């Protein structure tokens, strides 16, 4: 049933989970208490085994690298 609901929404359960993890990472990259954490550590905390995969997925969703996101210090929802 859930797969049908996700399909009607135009996504899949795995895609939705990936987007939630990436949104959480985007917030963590900007949180002051996470400023000392590396991008690789943020990616691990958000459930990514590979920092390279995390960076590619992040760039695809937000249009910039995780480090670029952190340097700009911005948050905007992906379209």
Protein backbone atom coordinates (compact mmCIF):
# COMPACT_ATOMS: atom_id res chain seq x y z
CA UNK A 1 0.00 0.00 0.00
CA UNK A 2 2.77 2.46 0.87
CA UNK A 3 4.46 1.92 -2.47
CA UNK A 4 1.19 2.85 -4.20
CA UNK A 5 0.89 6.00 -2.10
CA UNK A 6 4.47 7.02 -2.88
CA UNK A 7 3.95 6.28 -6.58
CA UNK A 8 0.87 8.52 -6.60
CA UNK A 9 3.00 11.26 -5.08
CA UNK A 10 5.51 10.80 -7.90
CA UNK A 11 8.33 9.28 -5.85
CA UNK A 12 9.48 6.06 -4.25
CA UNK A 13 10.07 5.17 -0.60
CA UNK A 14 13.85 5.08 -1.15
CA UNK A 15 13.88 8.42 -2.97
CA UNK A 16 11.82 9.99 -0.20
CA UNK A 17 14.21 8.63 2.42
CA UNK A 18 17.21 9.96 0.49
CA UNK A 19 15.63 13.41 0.28
CA UNK A 20 14.90 13.44 4.03
CA UNK A 21 18.50 12.47 4.80
CA UNK A 22 19.83 15.17 2.47
CA UNK A 23 17.55 17.83 3.99
CA UNK A 24 18.76 16.86 7.46
CA UNK A 25 22.37 17.08 6.28
CA UNK A 26 21.73 20.53 4.76
CA UNK A 27 20.46 21.74 8.13
CA UNK A 28 23.32 20.12 10.04
CA UNK A 29 25.89 21.79 7.79
CA UNK A 30 24.57 25.18 8.95
CA UNK A 31 23.94 24.47 12.64
CA UNK A 32 26.46 26.25 14.90
CA UNK A 33 26.99 23.18 17.09
CA UNK A 34 27.98 21.17 13.99
CA UNK A 35 30.43 23.76 12.68
CA UNK A 36 33.44 21.74 13.85
CA UNK A 37 32.20 18.54 12.17
CA UNK A 38 33.61 17.67 8.77
CA UNK A 39 31.37 17.13 5.78
CA UNK A 40 32.29 13.43 5.91
CA UNK A 41 31.16 13.22 9.54
CA UNK A 42 27.86 14.94 8.72
CA UNK A 43 27.33 12.49 5.87
CA UNK A 44 27.96 9.52 8.18
CA UNK A 45 25.59 10.92 10.81
CA UNK A 46 22.91 11.18 8.13
CA UNK A 47 23.36 7.55 7.13
CA UNK A 48 25.66 7.75 4.12
CA UNK A 49 28.39 5.11 3.97
CA UNK A 50 30.25 6.98 1.23
CA UNK A 51 31.13 10.68 1.38
CA UNK A 52 31.45 10.68 -2.42
CA UNK A 53 27.89 9.35 -2.87
CA UNK A 54 26.66 11.91 -0.33
CA UNK A 55 28.35 14.76 -2.21
CA UNK A 56 26.93 13.67 -5.58
CA UNK A 57 23.40 13.29 -4.19
CA UNK A 58 23.67 16.62 -2.32
CA UNK A 59 24.79 18.45 -5.44
CA UNK A 60 22.00 16.88 -7.50
CA UNK A 61 19.39 18.02 -4.98
CA UNK A 62 20.69 21.45 -3.95
CA UNK A 63 22.83 22.51 -6.93
CA UNK A 64 25.98 22.98 -4.86
CA UNK A 65 28.46 20.88 -2.93
CA UNK A 66 28.02 20.34 0.82
CA UNK A 67 31.09 22.49 1.47
CA UNK A 68 29.79 25.23 -0.82
CA UNK A 69 26.46 25.07 1.00
CA UNK A 70 28.20 25.48 4.35
CA UNK A 71 30.37 28.37 3.10
CA UNK A 72 27.37 30.26 1.73
CA UNK A 73 25.48 29.64 4.96
CA UNK A 74 22.11 29.45 3.33
CA UNK A 75 19.08 27.23 3.46
CA UNK A 76 16.50 27.07 0.74
CA UNK A 77 14.19 24.24 -0.04
CA UNK A 78 14.92 22.34 -3.25
CA UNK A 79 12.35 22.74 -5.99
